[in-house]
Amino acid sequence: MLYRGFTQDELEREYSPSSMIGGDLTPYLDSYTALSAQHRARMEVRENLAYGDAPAQVLDFFPAKGTGAPLHVFVHGGYWQALSQRESAMMAPALIEAEHSFATLNYTLAPDARLNQMIDECRDALLWLAAQAGALGFDPSRITLSGHSAGAHLVAMVLSTSADALARAGLRVRDVILISGIYDLEPISQTSVNDPLKLTPVEVHDLSPMLHPPAPGPRYHVTVAERDTPEFIRQSRAYAELLRKAGHSVSFELKKGMQHFDIIMHPGTFLPSAR
């Protein structure tokens, strides 16, 4: 019997967010790309800043209007095998208007990288940002981390494994916003999503946030779309409850009327000032 009694077809459907929108996510990806290109063309941005030696180890930085602003760092989704920082500039206008600087991270995708490497790359990007805080003009003591879908998983794992390293580097993460994320990799390992990931049982255990809650510190905001699949909603609720039991300040929100691909297009999802 497969995970939680699902048949293979049921499990594939539960872990295919596009199943809730008729199967075609292309219009949403096209909107990400078009809106991001529009904002990049009219906003100040420093693109493809290298935080490592590999081609994919880059980030884009949108500075606030003044120095000393808080920084919002976003990690994109794409099931660890698609998208990049290029499609995340759509978030920039609302964050700059709210007087935050904004950084959106890229990382090496599967099958070219294993999941633990992606986690390490996101950590390295944050450590690089910490070292560059003065040059980039943001306040490293006021950091918000957010991630969508697979990006929420990566953010959760960075905080589970590297919170001390971030603190030693001078980054104080105050808010963590996890949007329609994956926190238990066991079902992923039993679907076609795993074809490029090739997760081993050890990786499923070691890299599942549900099995490795972080130490208390930041405020956590776990949110998921009302029209996400039941399994995505269940995982988000379960992770929020795990954090609560571990002593975290945590909120859970089901975003009414939204689905997996448009939830990130609404500023109220990721704006700290809207909370």
Protein backbone atom coordinates (compact mmCIF):
# COMPACT_ATOMS: atom_id res chain seq x y z
CA MET A 1 0.00 0.00 0.00
CA LEU A 2 1.28 3.44 -0.91
CA TYR A 3 1.52 6.47 1.33
CA ARG A 4 -1.58 7.03 3.52
CA GLY A 5 -3.54 4.42 1.55
CA PHE A 6 -3.54 6.33 -1.75
CA THR A 7 -3.38 4.47 -5.03
CA GLN A 8 -0.55 5.49 -7.35
CA ASP A 9 -2.88 7.61 -9.47
CA GLU A 10 -4.35 9.29 -6.38
CA LEU A 11 -0.91 10.05 -4.97
CA GLU A 12 0.24 11.52 -8.28
CA ARG A 13 -2.83 13.74 -8.36
CA GLU A 14 -2.41 14.89 -4.73
CA TYR A 15 1.17 15.94 -5.40
CA SER A 16 0.44 17.57 -8.75
CA PRO A 17 -0.79 21.08 -7.89
CA SER A 18 -1.84 21.65 -11.49
CA SER A 19 -4.51 18.96 -11.01
CA MET A 20 -6.56 21.64 -9.23
CA ILE A 21 -6.51 24.04 -12.21
CA GLY A 22 -7.24 21.65 -15.06
CA GLY A 23 -3.67 20.47 -15.56
CA ASP A 24 -2.25 23.46 -17.46
CA LEU A 25 -0.02 25.75 -15.41
CA THR A 26 1.50 27.47 -18.47
CA PRO A 27 -0.60 30.67 -18.17
CA TYR A 28 0.68 31.22 -14.64
CA LEU A 29 4.31 30.60 -15.55
CA ASP A 30 3.89 32.97 -18.48
CA SER A 31 2.47 35.59 -16.10
CA TYR A 32 5.43 35.16 -13.73
CA THR A 33 7.81 35.73 -16.63
CA ALA A 34 5.97 38.69 -18.16
CA LEU A 35 5.39 40.54 -14.89
CA SER A 36 8.96 39.96 -13.76
CA ALA A 37 10.36 41.27 -17.05
CA GLN A 38 8.13 44.33 -16.81
CA HIS A 39 9.29 45.13 -13.28
CA ARG A 40 12.96 44.50 -14.05
CA ALA A 41 12.75 46.98 -16.91
CA ARG A 42 11.53 49.82 -14.69
CA MET A 43 13.10 49.12 -11.30
CA GLU A 44 16.60 49.37 -9.92
CA VAL A 45 18.04 45.87 -9.71
CA ARG A 46 21.43 44.23 -9.45
CA GLU A 47 21.14 41.01 -11.40
CA ASN A 48 23.04 37.72 -11.26
CA LEU A 49 25.16 38.54 -8.23
CA ALA A 50 27.35 35.48 -7.71
CA TYR A 51 27.28 33.92 -4.25
CA GLY A 52 29.29 30.89 -5.44
CA ASP A 53 31.31 29.57 -8.33
CA ALA A 54 28.68 27.51 -10.16
CA PRO A 55 26.65 29.19 -12.93
CA ALA A 56 23.36 28.73 -11.07
CA GLN A 57 24.69 30.19 -7.81
CA VAL A 58 23.40 33.71 -8.34
CA LEU A 59 20.80 36.05 -6.88
CA ASP A 60 19.08 39.27 -7.85
CA PHE A 61 18.89 42.22 -5.46
CA PHE A 62 16.34 45.05 -5.55
CA PRO A 63 17.45 47.83 -3.16
CA ALA A 64 15.05 49.81 -1.04
CA LYS A 65 14.90 53.55 -1.63
CA GLY A 66 17.00 54.26 1.47
CA THR A 67 19.81 52.48 3.28
CA GLY A 68 19.31 50.40 6.41
CA ALA A 69 16.03 48.86 5.24
CA PRO A 70 14.96 45.34 6.23
CA LEU A 71 15.60 42.61 3.67
CA HIS A 72 13.10 40.11 2.30
CA VAL A 73 14.70 37.01 0.77
CA PHE A 74 12.60 34.72 -1.44
CA VAL A 75 13.33 31.15 -2.60
CA HIS A 76 11.38 30.08 -5.69
CA GLY A 77 9.50 26.85 -6.23
CA GLY A 78 9.27 24.56 -9.24
CA TYR A 79 9.46 21.14 -7.54
CA TRP A 80 13.27 21.49 -7.26
CA GLN A 81 13.54 21.09 -11.06
CA ALA A 82 12.15 24.22 -12.72
CA LEU A 83 12.05 28.03 -12.59
CA SER A 84 14.73 30.44 -11.36
CA GLN A 85 15.14 33.78 -9.63
CA ARG A 86 14.25 35.44 -12.94
CA GLU A 87 10.52 34.72 -12.52
CA SER A 88 10.28 36.14 -8.99
CA ALA A 89 10.68 39.86 -9.71
CA MET A 90 6.89 40.14 -9.71
CA MET A 91 7.15 40.36 -5.91
CA ALA A 92 9.53 43.32 -5.97
CA PRO A 93 7.21 46.35 -6.39
CA ALA A 94 5.08 45.62 -3.33
CA LEU A 95 8.13 44.93 -1.18
CA ILE A 96 10.00 48.06 -2.31
CA GLU A 97 6.85 50.11 -1.74
CA ALA A 98 6.77 48.66 1.80
CA GLU A 99 10.35 49.92 2.25
CA HIS A 100 12.03 46.51 2.15
CA SER A 101 14.99 45.53 0.02
CA PHE A 102 14.34 42.29 -1.87
CA ALA A 103 16.61 39.41 -2.86
CA THR A 104 15.49 36.44 -4.91
CA LEU A 105 17.76 33.38 -4.92
CA ASN A 106 18.68 30.94 -7.65
CA TYR A 107 20.01 27.44 -7.01
CA THR A 108 21.10 24.43 -9.06
CA LEU A 109 18.14 22.30 -10.10
CA ALA A 110 17.65 18.54 -10.34
CA PRO A 111 18.95 16.41 -11.93
CA ASP A 112 22.15 18.48 -11.86
CA ALA A 113 22.05 18.80 -8.07
CA ARG A 114 20.82 16.65 -5.23
CA LEU A 115 18.43 18.09 -2.69
CA ASN A 116 21.03 18.54 0.05
CA GLN A 117 23.14 20.61 -2.38
CA MET A 118 20.18 22.92 -3.04
CA ILE A 119 19.74 23.43 0.71
CA ASP A 120 23.44 24.20 1.06
CA GLU A 121 23.31 26.66 -1.83
CA CYS A 122 20.42 28.57 -0.25
CA ARG A 123 22.38 28.72 3.01
CA ASP A 124 25.47 29.92 1.15
CA ALA A 125 23.45 32.64 -0.57
CA LEU A 126 22.23 33.89 2.80
CA LEU A 127 25.76 33.85 4.22
CA TRP A 128 26.94 35.82 1.17
CA LEU A 129 24.18 38.36 1.72
CA ALA A 130 25.24 38.69 5.36
CA ALA A 131 28.79 39.51 4.27
CA GLN A 132 27.49 42.05 1.75
CA ALA A 133 24.95 43.79 3.97
CA GLY A 134 26.99 46.97 4.22
CA ALA A 135 27.72 47.18 0.52
CA LEU A 136 24.11 46.44 -0.42
CA GLY A 137 22.71 48.80 2.19
CA PHE A 138 20.26 46.62 4.12
CA ASP A 139 19.89 45.89 7.83
CA PRO A 140 21.01 42.28 8.53
CA SER A 141 19.18 42.30 11.86
CA ARG A 142 15.80 42.56 10.11
CA ILE A 143 15.46 39.62 7.73
CA THR A 144 12.33 37.96 6.37
CA LEU A 145 12.74 34.61 4.61
CA SER A 146 10.00 33.30 2.35
CA GLY A 147 9.65 30.38 0.00
CA HIS A 148 6.96 29.00 -2.26
CA SER A 149 6.28 25.29 -2.81
CA ALA A 150 9.69 23.59 -3.09
CA GLY A 151 11.18 26.90 -1.99
CA ALA A 152 9.26 26.66 1.29
CA HIS A 153 10.86 23.25 1.84
CA LEU A 154 14.33 24.68 1.21
CA VAL A 155 13.76 27.60 3.58
CA ALA A 156 12.49 25.26 6.30
CA MET A 157 15.52 22.99 5.92
CA VAL A 158 18.01 25.87 5.94
CA LEU A 159 16.56 27.01 9.25
CA SER A 160 16.57 23.45 10.60
CA THR A 161 20.22 22.92 9.73
CA SER A 162 21.92 26.31 9.59
CA ALA A 163 20.18 28.78 11.91
CA ASP A 164 23.27 29.00 14.10
CA ALA A 165 25.54 29.68 11.11
CA LEU A 166 23.24 32.46 9.92
CA ALA A 167 23.19 34.02 13.38
CA ARG A 168 26.98 33.87 13.66
CA ALA A 169 27.18 35.65 10.31
CA GLY A 170 25.07 38.47 11.71
CA LEU A 171 21.72 37.66 10.08
CA ARG A 172 18.72 37.91 12.38
CA VAL A 173 15.75 36.20 10.78
CA ARG A 174 12.63 37.72 12.30
CA ASP A 175 9.89 36.32 10.06
CA VAL A 176 9.61 33.15 8.00
CA ILE A 177 6.79 32.90 5.45
CA LEU A 178 6.20 29.38 4.09
CA ILE A 179 3.79 29.32 1.16
CA SER A 180 2.11 26.11 -0.09
CA GLY A 181 5.13 24.06 0.85
CA ILE A 182 6.25 20.43 1.13
CA TYR A 183 7.45 19.33 4.55
CA ASP A 184 7.36 15.52 4.32
CA LEU A 185 9.31 14.00 1.42
CA GLU A 186 8.03 10.45 1.81
CA PRO A 187 5.11 10.83 -0.62
CA ILE A 188 7.31 12.75 -3.07
CA SER A 189 9.69 9.78 -3.18
CA GLN A 190 6.79 7.62 -4.42
CA THR A 191 5.67 9.84 -7.29
CA SER A 192 7.07 10.84 -10.68
CA VAL A 193 8.33 14.08 -9.07
CA ASN A 194 11.14 11.90 -7.74
CA ASP A 195 12.37 10.84 -11.20
CA PRO A 196 14.96 13.66 -11.43
CA LEU A 197 15.46 13.90 -7.66
CA LYS A 198 16.22 10.20 -7.04
CA LEU A 199 15.67 10.58 -3.32
CA THR A 200 17.07 7.78 -1.18
CA PRO A 201 15.39 6.63 2.06
CA VAL A 202 18.17 8.36 4.02
CA GLU A 203 17.54 11.63 2.16
CA VAL A 204 13.78 11.34 2.72
CA HIS A 205 14.45 11.12 6.45
CA ASP A 206 17.28 13.63 6.73
CA LEU A 207 15.76 16.29 4.46
CA SER A 208 12.11 16.29 5.60
CA PRO A 209 11.33 19.38 7.72
CA MET A 210 8.58 17.44 9.51
CA LEU A 211 11.29 15.28 11.07
CA HIS A 212 13.67 18.14 11.92
CA PRO A 213 11.94 21.14 13.50
CA PRO A 214 14.17 24.20 13.89
CA ALA A 215 15.05 25.78 17.20
CA PRO A 216 12.63 28.53 18.30
CA GLY A 217 13.45 32.04 17.20
CA PRO A 218 11.68 33.66 14.23
CA ARG A 219 7.96 34.13 13.83
CA TYR A 220 6.62 31.54 11.40
CA HIS A 221 3.74 32.19 9.03
CA VAL A 222 2.56 28.99 7.32
CA THR A 223 0.09 29.64 4.53
CA VAL A 224 -1.49 27.49 1.84
CA ALA A 225 -4.09 28.04 -0.86
CA GLU A 226 -7.68 26.96 -0.32
CA ARG A 227 -7.54 25.37 -3.78
CA ASP A 228 -4.27 23.54 -3.20
CA THR A 229 -4.67 19.77 -3.12
CA PRO A 230 -5.85 18.21 0.17
CA GLU A 231 -2.37 16.77 0.74
CA PHE A 232 -0.65 20.15 0.34
CA ILE A 233 -3.13 21.62 2.83
CA ARG A 234 -2.66 18.72 5.25
CA GLN A 235 1.14 19.02 5.11
CA SER A 236 0.98 22.76 5.82
CA ARG A 237 -1.36 22.29 8.77
CA ALA A 238 0.80 19.49 10.14
CA TYR A 239 4.00 21.53 9.88
CA ALA A 240 2.39 24.55 11.56
CA GLU A 241 1.26 22.31 14.40
CA LEU A 242 4.74 20.78 14.69
CA LEU A 243 6.22 24.27 15.01
CA ARG A 244 3.64 25.23 17.62
CA LYS A 245 4.43 22.17 19.71
CA ALA A 246 8.16 22.93 19.39
CA GLY A 247 7.60 26.31 21.02
CA HIS A 248 7.56 28.59 17.99
CA SER A 249 5.46 31.66 17.41
CA VAL A 250 3.45 30.39 14.44
CA SER A 251 0.34 31.32 12.49
CA PHE A 252 -1.52 29.24 9.92
CA GLU A 253 -3.65 30.69 7.15
CA LEU A 254 -5.74 29.10 4.42
CA LYS A 255 -5.86 31.63 1.59
CA LYS A 256 -9.47 31.75 0.44
CA GLY A 257 -10.16 31.54 -3.29
CA MET A 258 -6.51 31.03 -4.23
CA GLN A 259 -4.69 28.08 -5.75
CA HIS A 260 -1.09 26.92 -5.81
CA PHE A 261 0.06 29.10 -8.68
CA ASP A 262 -1.69 32.40 -8.02
CA ILE A 263 -1.12 32.54 -4.24
CA ILE A 264 2.33 34.04 -4.79
CA MET A 265 0.90 36.76 -7.04
CA HIS A 266 -0.96 38.43 -4.15
CA PRO A 267 1.14 40.84 -2.02
CA GLY A 268 -0.89 39.95 1.07
CA THR A 269 0.71 36.52 0.96
CA PHE A 270 4.26 37.74 1.47
CA LEU A 271 4.12 41.32 2.80
CA PRO A 272 5.04 41.44 6.50
CA SER A 273 3.16 44.74 6.83
CA ALA A 274 -0.01 42.92 5.79
CA ARG A 275 0.21 40.63 8.82
